C-alpha atoms as a PDB file:
ATOM      1  CA  GLN A   1      55.932  54.785 -33.203  1.00  0.00           C
ATOM      2  CA  VAL A   2      59.692  54.622 -32.774  1.00  0.00           C
ATOM      3  CA  GLN A   3      62.335  56.519 -34.667  1.00  0.00           C
ATOM      4  CA  LEU A   4      65.864  55.170 -34.883  1.00  0.00           C
ATOM      5  CA  VAL A   5      68.749  57.160 -36.326  1.00  0.00           C
ATOM      6  CA  GLU A   6      72.186  55.659 -36.862  1.00  0.00           C
ATOM      7  CA  SER A   7      75.427  57.594 -37.051  1.00  0.00           C
ATOM      8  CA  GLY A   8      79.145  56.983 -36.899  1.00  0.00           C
ATOM      9  CA  GLY A   9      79.749  55.159 -40.151  1.00  0.00           C
ATOM     10  CA  GLY A  10      82.584  56.038 -42.488  1.00  0.00           C
ATOM     11  CA  LEU A  11      85.713  54.883 -44.248  1.00  0.00           C
ATOM     12  CA  VAL A  12      88.387  53.103 -42.218  1.00  0.00           C
ATOM     13  CA  GLN A  13      91.445  51.010 -43.004  1.00  0.00           C
ATOM     14  CA  THR A  14      91.720  47.313 -42.255  1.00  0.00           C
ATOM     15  CA  GLY A  15      92.401  46.842 -38.554  1.00  0.00           C
ATOM     16  CA  GLY A  16      90.808  50.130 -37.618  1.00  0.00           C
ATOM     17  CA  SER A  17      87.849  50.875 -35.371  1.00  0.00           C
ATOM     18  CA  LEU A  18      84.517  52.628 -35.590  1.00  0.00           C
ATOM     19  CA  ARG A  19      81.742  53.227 -33.101  1.00  0.00           C
ATOM     20  CA  LEU A  20      78.220  53.286 -34.426  1.00  0.00           C
ATOM     21  CA  SER A  21      75.482  55.037 -32.487  1.00  0.00           C
ATOM     22  CA  CYS A  22      71.720  54.593 -32.635  1.00  0.00           C
ATOM     23  CA  ALA A  23      69.514  57.327 -31.216  1.00  0.00           C
ATOM     24  CA  ALA A  24      65.982  56.243 -30.337  1.00  0.00           C
ATOM     25  CA  SER A  25      62.884  58.342 -29.799  1.00  0.00           C
ATOM     26  CA  GLY A  26      59.197  57.622 -29.413  1.00  0.00           C
ATOM     27  CA  ARG A  27      58.033  54.622 -27.434  1.00  0.00           C
ATOM     28  CA  SER A  28      59.851  53.456 -24.326  1.00  0.00           C
ATOM     29  CA  PHE A  29      63.382  52.490 -25.202  1.00  0.00           C
ATOM     30  CA  SER A  30      64.488  51.007 -21.918  1.00  0.00           C
ATOM     31  CA  SER A  31      62.217  47.960 -22.173  1.00  0.00           C
ATOM     32  CA  VAL A  32      63.066  46.757 -25.682  1.00  0.00           C
ATOM     33  CA  VAL A  33      65.647  44.483 -27.210  1.00  0.00           C
ATOM     34  CA  MET A  34      67.995  46.297 -29.590  1.00  0.00           C
ATOM     35  CA  GLY A  35      69.843  44.799 -32.497  1.00  0.00           C
ATOM     36  CA  TRP A  36      72.341  45.665 -35.197  1.00  0.00           C
ATOM     37  CA  PHE A  37      72.191  44.217 -38.683  1.00  0.00           C
ATOM     38  CA  ARG A  38      74.183  44.842 -41.835  1.00  0.00           C
ATOM     39  CA  GLN A  39      73.381  44.539 -45.501  1.00  0.00           C
ATOM     40  CA  THR A  40      75.328  44.164 -48.722  1.00  0.00           C
ATOM     41  CA  PRO A  41      74.148  43.418 -52.252  1.00  0.00           C
ATOM     42  CA  ALA A  42      76.027  40.120 -52.246  1.00  0.00           C
ATOM     43  CA  LYS A  43      74.998  38.768 -48.838  1.00  0.00           C
ATOM     44  CA  GLY A  44      71.731  40.558 -48.224  1.00  0.00           C
ATOM     45  CA  ARG A  45      70.834  41.421 -44.644  1.00  0.00           C
ATOM     46  CA  GLU A  46      72.620  39.614 -41.837  1.00  0.00           C
ATOM     47  CA  PHE A  47      72.506  39.720 -38.075  1.00  0.00           C
ATOM     48  CA  VAL A  48      75.397  41.350 -36.244  1.00  0.00           C
ATOM     49  CA  ALA A  49      74.525  41.738 -32.552  1.00  0.00           C
ATOM     50  CA  SER A  50      71.649  42.062 -30.110  1.00  0.00           C
ATOM     51  CA  ILE A  51      71.279  43.211 -26.496  1.00  0.00           C
ATOM     52  CA  SER A  52      68.598  42.762 -23.861  1.00  0.00           C
ATOM     53  CA  TRP A  53      66.722  45.679 -22.324  1.00  0.00           C
ATOM     54  CA  ASN A  54      68.919  45.761 -19.211  1.00  0.00           C
ATOM     55  CA  SER A  55      72.185  44.790 -20.945  1.00  0.00           C
ATOM     56  CA  ASP A  56      72.495  41.509 -19.049  1.00  0.00           C
ATOM     57  CA  GLN A  57      72.367  39.437 -22.230  1.00  0.00           C
ATOM     58  CA  THR A  58      74.107  39.920 -25.551  1.00  0.00           C
ATOM     59  CA  MET A  59      74.309  37.886 -28.723  1.00  0.00           C
ATOM     60  CA  TYR A  60      76.758  38.121 -31.614  1.00  0.00           C
ATOM     61  CA  ALA A  61      77.186  36.670 -35.061  1.00  0.00           C
ATOM     62  CA  ASP A  62      80.156  34.316 -35.191  1.00  0.00           C
ATOM     63  CA  SER A  63      81.813  36.550 -37.764  1.00  0.00           C
ATOM     64  CA  VAL A  64      82.087  39.473 -35.321  1.00  0.00           C
ATOM     65  CA  LYS A  65      82.591  37.744 -31.962  1.00  0.00           C
ATOM     66  CA  GLY A  66      85.593  39.102 -30.139  1.00  0.00           C
ATOM     67  CA  ARG A  67      85.782  42.158 -32.407  1.00  0.00           C
ATOM     68  CA  PHE A  68      82.427  43.938 -31.979  1.00  0.00           C
ATOM     69  CA  THR A  69      80.707  45.000 -28.761  1.00  0.00           C
ATOM     70  CA  ILE A  70      77.074  46.034 -28.454  1.00  0.00           C
ATOM     71  CA  SER A  71      75.999  48.289 -25.601  1.00  0.00           C
ATOM     72  CA  ARG A  72      73.219  50.665 -24.651  1.00  0.00           C
ATOM     73  CA  ASP A  73      72.501  53.636 -22.411  1.00  0.00           C
ATOM     74  CA  ASN A  74      68.835  53.625 -21.455  1.00  0.00           C
ATOM     75  CA  ALA A  75      69.077  56.997 -19.741  1.00  0.00           C
ATOM     76  CA  GLU A  76      70.159  58.531 -23.049  1.00  0.00           C
ATOM     77  CA  ASN A  77      68.009  56.334 -25.312  1.00  0.00           C
ATOM     78  CA  MET A  78      71.116  55.235 -27.164  1.00  0.00           C
ATOM     79  CA  ALA A  79      72.513  51.965 -28.478  1.00  0.00           C
ATOM     80  CA  TYR A  80      76.071  51.484 -29.682  1.00  0.00           C
ATOM     81  CA  LEU A  81      78.162  49.100 -31.714  1.00  0.00           C
ATOM     82  CA  GLN A  82      81.898  49.294 -31.076  1.00  0.00           C
ATOM     83  CA  MET A  83      83.708  47.706 -34.012  1.00  0.00           C
ATOM     84  CA  ASN A  84      87.394  46.849 -33.663  1.00  0.00           C
ATOM     85  CA  SER A  85      89.838  45.003 -35.903  1.00  0.00           C
ATOM     86  CA  LEU A  86      87.715  45.803 -38.905  1.00  0.00           C
ATOM     87  CA  LYS A  87      88.059  43.741 -42.058  1.00  0.00           C
ATOM     88  CA  PRO A  88      87.071  44.482 -45.663  1.00  0.00           C
ATOM     89  CA  GLU A  89      84.291  41.910 -45.326  1.00  0.00           C
ATOM     90  CA  ASP A  90      82.712  44.115 -42.648  1.00  0.00           C
ATOM     91  CA  THR A  91      81.910  46.658 -45.360  1.00  0.00           C
ATOM     92  CA  ALA A  92      78.142  47.112 -45.407  1.00  0.00           C
ATOM     93  CA  VAL A  93      75.269  49.391 -44.530  1.00  0.00           C
ATOM     94  CA  TYR A  94      74.629  48.965 -40.813  1.00  0.00           C
ATOM     95  CA  TYR A  95      71.143  49.234 -39.334  1.00  0.00           C
ATOM     96  CA  CYS A  96      69.899  49.370 -35.777  1.00  0.00           C
ATOM     97  CA  ALA A  97      66.524  47.902 -34.948  1.00  0.00           C
ATOM     98  CA  SER A  98      64.223  47.517 -31.955  1.00  0.00           C
ATOM     99  CA  SER A  99      62.203  44.500 -30.903  1.00  0.00           C
ATOM    100  CA  HIS A 100      59.189  45.291 -28.725  1.00  0.00           C
ATOM    101  CA  TRP A 101      57.934  41.794 -28.007  1.00  0.00           C
ATOM    102  CA  ARG A 102      60.968  39.528 -27.653  1.00  0.00           C
ATOM    103  CA  PRO A 103      62.131  39.120 -24.027  1.00  0.00           C
ATOM    104  CA  ARG A 104      65.724  38.260 -24.946  1.00  0.00           C
ATOM    105  CA  PRO A 105      68.276  39.098 -27.666  1.00  0.00           C
ATOM    106  CA  THR A 106      67.331  37.619 -31.003  1.00  0.00           C
ATOM    107  CA  PRO A 107      69.124  37.229 -34.357  1.00  0.00           C
ATOM    108  CA  ASN A 108      65.892  37.074 -36.360  1.00  0.00           C
ATOM    109  CA  ALA A 109      65.145  40.193 -38.405  1.00  0.00           C
ATOM    110  CA  ASP A 110      61.423  39.381 -38.314  1.00  0.00           C
ATOM    111  CA  ASP A 111      61.447  39.935 -34.545  1.00  0.00           C
ATOM    112  CA  TYR A 112      62.306  43.605 -34.991  1.00  0.00           C
ATOM    113  CA  SER A 113      59.548  46.131 -35.577  1.00  0.00           C
ATOM    114  CA  TYR A 114      61.430  49.365 -36.172  1.00  0.00           C
ATOM    115  CA  TRP A 115      64.530  50.071 -38.190  1.00  0.00           C
ATOM    116  CA  GLY A 116      66.827  53.012 -38.760  1.00  0.00           C
ATOM    117  CA  GLN A 117      67.827  54.363 -42.141  1.00  0.00           C
ATOM    118  CA  GLY A 118      71.307  52.821 -42.027  1.00  0.00           C
ATOM    119  CA  THR A 119      74.865  54.087 -41.995  1.00  0.00           C
ATOM    120  CA  GLN A 120      77.584  53.064 -44.437  1.00  0.00           C
ATOM    121  CA  VAL A 121      80.738  51.413 -43.150  1.00  0.00           C
ATOM    122  CA  THR A 122      83.546  50.907 -45.644  1.00  0.00           C
ATOM    123  CA  VAL A 123      86.746  49.088 -44.710  1.00  0.00           C
ATOM    124  CA  SER A 124      89.599  49.508 -47.173  1.00  0.00           C
ATOM    125  CA  SER A 125      92.242  46.831 -47.634  1.00  0.00           C
END
């Protein structure tokens, strides 16, 4: 069993920044792919970013490339999502997730076994 807990969400103005954190506990964290997704009532759940177990590979949705950065600290069992140049369309509930069988970053939600409870990010215009 794996527990994932997100934090760092909040209200920010357009152009601002936020750093989301995901604390993992339970099964080995250092060997799994981590991902961030977001969800809104209008768009449903969408992929944001993913990172390999050793951070050598990352993957981003086109909508966040150049603005968001995914990272991880295996010694601390933490994953992060640095979000810069935020836009109102980034408003969503953000979730971290872990994939225990994919060898590389993946944008497919079905590849992820465990999910956090989500953290709200609101970007005001």
